[in-house]
Amino acid sequence: MNLSDSFFNRVEKKTNVKKETILDLAEKLQGDNMKNEDNLRDVIRKLSDLTGKNVSKEQEDKIVNTIISDKVPNNIDKMI
């Protein structure tokens, strides 16, 4: 995945989460870890803490299920 700096700049502007933090969390999800529910939940909770956005249990479940079932949109950068 090759994401441009403009993508990271948009994310940082909206969330106050720096590129380096995003890359560190993304590294945690490399390979088979992307299908590991515990790792996904850990990353979601860390992002929630970093951004100050509350993620309900229902939202967390929906995010995890979307990722595990490979239903993440290809153009996710347009959602930011």
N, C-alpha and C. Protein backbone atom coordinates (compact mmCIF):
# COMPACT_ATOMS: atom_id res chain seq x y z
N MET A 1 0.85 -1.17 0.00
CA MET A 1 0.00 0.00 0.00
C MET A 1 0.89 1.23 0.00
N ASN A 2 0.73 2.07 -0.98
CA ASN A 2 1.52 3.27 -1.09
C ASN A 2 0.61 4.48 -0.90
N LEU A 3 0.63 5.01 0.27
CA LEU A 3 -0.22 6.16 0.57
C LEU A 3 0.61 7.43 0.55
N SER A 4 0.09 8.43 -0.08
CA SER A 4 0.83 9.67 -0.23
C SER A 4 0.82 10.48 1.07
N ASP A 5 1.74 11.42 1.12
CA ASP A 5 1.81 12.30 2.28
C ASP A 5 0.54 13.13 2.42
N SER A 6 -0.11 13.44 1.31
CA SER A 6 -1.34 14.22 1.39
C SER A 6 -2.43 13.45 2.15
N PHE A 7 -2.45 12.14 1.97
CA PHE A 7 -3.39 11.31 2.71
C PHE A 7 -3.11 11.43 4.21
N PHE A 8 -1.85 11.25 4.57
CA PHE A 8 -1.48 11.33 5.98
C PHE A 8 -1.74 12.71 6.54
N ASN A 9 -1.51 13.74 5.75
CA ASN A 9 -1.79 15.10 6.19
C ASN A 9 -3.27 15.30 6.47
N ARG A 10 -4.13 14.75 5.61
CA ARG A 10 -5.58 14.85 5.82
C ARG A 10 -5.99 14.11 7.09
N VAL A 11 -5.42 12.93 7.27
CA VAL A 11 -5.74 12.14 8.47
C VAL A 11 -5.29 12.89 9.72
N GLU A 12 -4.06 13.39 9.70
CA GLU A 12 -3.54 14.11 10.86
C GLU A 12 -4.37 15.35 11.16
N LYS A 13 -4.78 16.06 10.13
CA LYS A 13 -5.59 17.27 10.33
C LYS A 13 -6.93 16.94 11.00
N LYS A 14 -7.53 15.83 10.58
CA LYS A 14 -8.84 15.46 11.14
C LYS A 14 -8.74 14.78 12.50
N THR A 15 -7.64 14.06 12.75
CA THR A 15 -7.58 13.22 13.94
C THR A 15 -6.50 13.60 14.94
N ASN A 16 -5.55 14.43 14.52
CA ASN A 16 -4.38 14.77 15.34
C ASN A 16 -3.49 13.57 15.61
N VAL A 17 -3.56 12.55 14.76
CA VAL A 17 -2.70 11.37 14.87
C VAL A 17 -1.62 11.50 13.81
N LYS A 18 -0.37 11.46 14.24
CA LYS A 18 0.75 11.67 13.33
C LYS A 18 1.00 10.45 12.44
N LYS A 19 1.61 10.72 11.30
CA LYS A 19 1.93 9.68 10.32
C LYS A 19 2.71 8.53 10.96
N GLU A 20 3.68 8.86 11.79
CA GLU A 20 4.51 7.83 12.41
C GLU A 20 3.68 6.89 13.28
N THR A 21 2.72 7.45 13.99
CA THR A 21 1.85 6.64 14.84
C THR A 21 0.99 5.71 13.99
N ILE A 22 0.48 6.24 12.89
CA ILE A 22 -0.33 5.44 11.98
C ILE A 22 0.50 4.29 11.42
N LEU A 23 1.72 4.60 11.00
CA LEU A 23 2.58 3.57 10.43
C LEU A 23 2.96 2.52 11.47
N ASP A 24 3.17 2.93 12.70
CA ASP A 24 3.46 1.97 13.78
C ASP A 24 2.27 1.03 14.00
N LEU A 25 1.07 1.59 14.02
CA LEU A 25 -0.12 0.76 14.19
C LEU A 25 -0.34 -0.15 12.98
N ALA A 26 -0.09 0.38 11.78
CA ALA A 26 -0.24 -0.42 10.57
C ALA A 26 0.74 -1.59 10.56
N GLU A 27 1.94 -1.35 11.06
CA GLU A 27 2.93 -2.42 11.13
C GLU A 27 2.43 -3.57 12.01
N LYS A 28 1.68 -3.22 13.03
CA LYS A 28 1.13 -4.23 13.93
C LYS A 28 0.13 -5.13 13.21
N LEU A 29 -0.41 -4.64 12.10
CA LEU A 29 -1.44 -5.38 11.36
C LEU A 29 -0.91 -6.02 10.07
N GLN A 30 0.39 -6.16 9.97
CA GLN A 30 0.97 -6.76 8.77
C GLN A 30 0.69 -8.25 8.71
N GLY A 31 0.57 -8.76 7.49
CA GLY A 31 0.42 -10.20 7.27
C GLY A 31 -0.85 -10.76 7.89
N ASP A 32 -0.69 -11.86 8.57
CA ASP A 32 -1.83 -12.56 9.17
C ASP A 32 -2.43 -11.81 10.35
N ASN A 33 -1.73 -10.83 10.88
CA ASN A 33 -2.26 -10.08 12.02
C ASN A 33 -3.52 -9.30 11.68
N MET A 34 -3.75 -9.07 10.38
CA MET A 34 -4.93 -8.33 9.94
C MET A 34 -6.20 -9.15 10.20
N LYS A 35 -6.06 -10.44 10.33
CA LYS A 35 -7.21 -11.31 10.59
C LYS A 35 -7.29 -11.72 12.06
N ASN A 36 -6.38 -11.19 12.87
CA ASN A 36 -6.36 -11.50 14.29
C ASN A 36 -7.27 -10.52 15.03
N GLU A 37 -8.38 -11.02 15.53
CA GLU A 37 -9.37 -10.16 16.16
C GLU A 37 -8.81 -9.37 17.34
N ASP A 38 -7.98 -10.01 18.15
CA ASP A 38 -7.41 -9.32 19.32
C ASP A 38 -6.52 -8.15 18.88
N ASN A 39 -5.70 -8.36 17.85
CA ASN A 39 -4.86 -7.27 17.34
C ASN A 39 -5.70 -6.13 16.79
N LEU A 40 -6.73 -6.47 16.03
CA LEU A 40 -7.61 -5.44 15.48
C LEU A 40 -8.25 -4.61 16.59
N ARG A 41 -8.78 -5.28 17.59
CA ARG A 41 -9.43 -4.57 18.69
C ARG A 41 -8.43 -3.67 19.43
N ASP A 42 -7.21 -4.17 19.60
CA ASP A 42 -6.17 -3.38 20.26
C ASP A 42 -5.88 -2.11 19.47
N VAL A 43 -5.75 -2.23 18.16
CA VAL A 43 -5.48 -1.07 17.31
C VAL A 43 -6.66 -0.10 17.33
N ILE A 44 -7.87 -0.62 17.25
CA ILE A 44 -9.06 0.24 17.30
C ILE A 44 -9.10 1.02 18.61
N ARG A 45 -8.83 0.36 19.71
CA ARG A 45 -8.85 1.04 21.02
C ARG A 45 -7.75 2.09 21.13
N LYS A 46 -6.56 1.77 20.60
CA LYS A 46 -5.47 2.75 20.62
C LYS A 46 -5.82 3.97 19.78
N LEU A 47 -6.40 3.73 18.61
CA LEU A 47 -6.81 4.86 17.77
C LEU A 47 -7.90 5.67 18.44
N SER A 48 -8.80 4.99 19.11
CA SER A 48 -9.87 5.68 19.83
C SER A 48 -9.27 6.59 20.90
N ASP A 49 -8.31 6.07 21.65
CA ASP A 49 -7.65 6.86 22.68
C ASP A 49 -6.89 8.04 22.08
N LEU A 50 -6.15 7.77 21.01
CA LEU A 50 -5.35 8.82 20.37
C LEU A 50 -6.19 9.96 19.83
N THR A 51 -7.34 9.63 19.29
CA THR A 51 -8.18 10.64 18.66
C THR A 51 -9.20 11.25 19.61
N GLY A 52 -9.38 10.63 20.77
CA GLY A 52 -10.38 11.13 21.70
C GLY A 52 -11.80 10.84 21.26
N LYS A 53 -11.93 9.91 20.33
CA LYS A 53 -13.25 9.53 19.81
C LYS A 53 -13.68 8.23 20.48
N ASN A 54 -14.87 8.24 21.03
CA ASN A 54 -15.39 7.05 21.67
C ASN A 54 -15.88 6.06 20.62
N VAL A 55 -15.44 4.83 20.72
CA VAL A 55 -15.90 3.76 19.83
C VAL A 55 -16.67 2.77 20.70
N SER A 56 -17.96 2.69 20.43
CA SER A 56 -18.79 1.77 21.22
C SER A 56 -18.44 0.33 20.88
N LYS A 57 -18.88 -0.58 21.73
CA LYS A 57 -18.67 -2.01 21.50
C LYS A 57 -19.29 -2.41 20.16
N GLU A 58 -20.46 -1.87 19.87
CA GLU A 58 -21.15 -2.18 18.61
C GLU A 58 -20.34 -1.69 17.41
N GLN A 59 -19.80 -0.48 17.50
CA GLN A 59 -18.98 0.06 16.42
C GLN A 59 -17.70 -0.76 16.25
N GLU A 60 -17.08 -1.11 17.37
CA GLU A 60 -15.86 -1.91 17.33
C GLU A 60 -16.14 -3.25 16.67
N ASP A 61 -17.24 -3.89 17.04
CA ASP A 61 -17.61 -5.18 16.43
C ASP A 61 -17.80 -5.03 14.93
N LYS A 62 -18.46 -3.96 14.52
CA LYS A 62 -18.72 -3.73 13.10
C LYS A 62 -17.41 -3.53 12.33
N ILE A 63 -16.50 -2.75 12.89
CA ILE A 63 -15.20 -2.52 12.26
C ILE A 63 -14.44 -3.83 12.12
N VAL A 64 -14.36 -4.59 13.21
CA VAL A 64 -13.64 -5.86 13.20
C VAL A 64 -14.25 -6.81 12.17
N ASN A 65 -15.56 -6.93 12.18
CA ASN A 65 -16.22 -7.84 11.23
C ASN A 65 -16.01 -7.41 9.79
N THR A 66 -16.01 -6.10 9.53
CA THR A 66 -15.78 -5.59 8.18
C THR A 66 -14.38 -5.95 7.71
N ILE A 67 -13.40 -5.79 8.58
CA ILE A 67 -12.01 -6.08 8.21
C ILE A 67 -11.79 -7.58 8.03
N ILE A 68 -12.27 -8.37 8.97
CA ILE A 68 -12.06 -9.82 8.91
C ILE A 68 -12.75 -10.43 7.69
N SER A 69 -13.89 -9.88 7.31
CA SER A 69 -14.62 -10.43 6.16
C SER A 69 -14.22 -9.78 4.84
N ASP A 70 -13.12 -9.01 4.84
CA ASP A 70 -12.59 -8.37 3.63
C ASP A 70 -13.59 -7.47 2.92
N LYS A 71 -14.33 -6.69 3.69
CA LYS A 71 -15.31 -5.78 3.10
C LYS A 71 -14.90 -4.31 3.21
N VAL A 72 -13.60 -4.07 3.39
CA VAL A 72 -13.09 -2.70 3.46
C VAL A 72 -13.02 -2.13 2.05
N PRO A 73 -13.57 -0.93 1.80
CA PRO A 73 -13.55 -0.35 0.46
C PRO A 73 -12.13 -0.11 -0.02
N ASN A 74 -11.90 -0.27 -1.30
CA ASN A 74 -10.58 -0.03 -1.90
C ASN A 74 -10.20 1.43 -1.88
N ASN A 75 -11.16 2.33 -1.91
CA ASN A 75 -10.87 3.76 -1.95
C ASN A 75 -11.06 4.40 -0.59
N ILE A 76 -10.51 3.79 0.44
CA ILE A 76 -10.67 4.27 1.81
C ILE A 76 -10.14 5.69 1.98
N ASP A 77 -9.12 6.08 1.20
CA ASP A 77 -8.57 7.44 1.33
C ASP A 77 -9.59 8.51 0.99
N LYS A 78 -10.60 8.20 0.19
CA LYS A 78 -11.64 9.18 -0.15
C LYS A 78 -12.63 9.37 0.99
N MET A 79 -12.62 8.47 1.96
CA MET A 79 -13.52 8.57 3.09
C MET A 79 -13.01 9.56 4.12
N ILE A 80 -11.74 9.92 4.04
CA ILE A 80 -11.11 10.81 5.03
C ILE A 80 -11.23 12.24 4.57
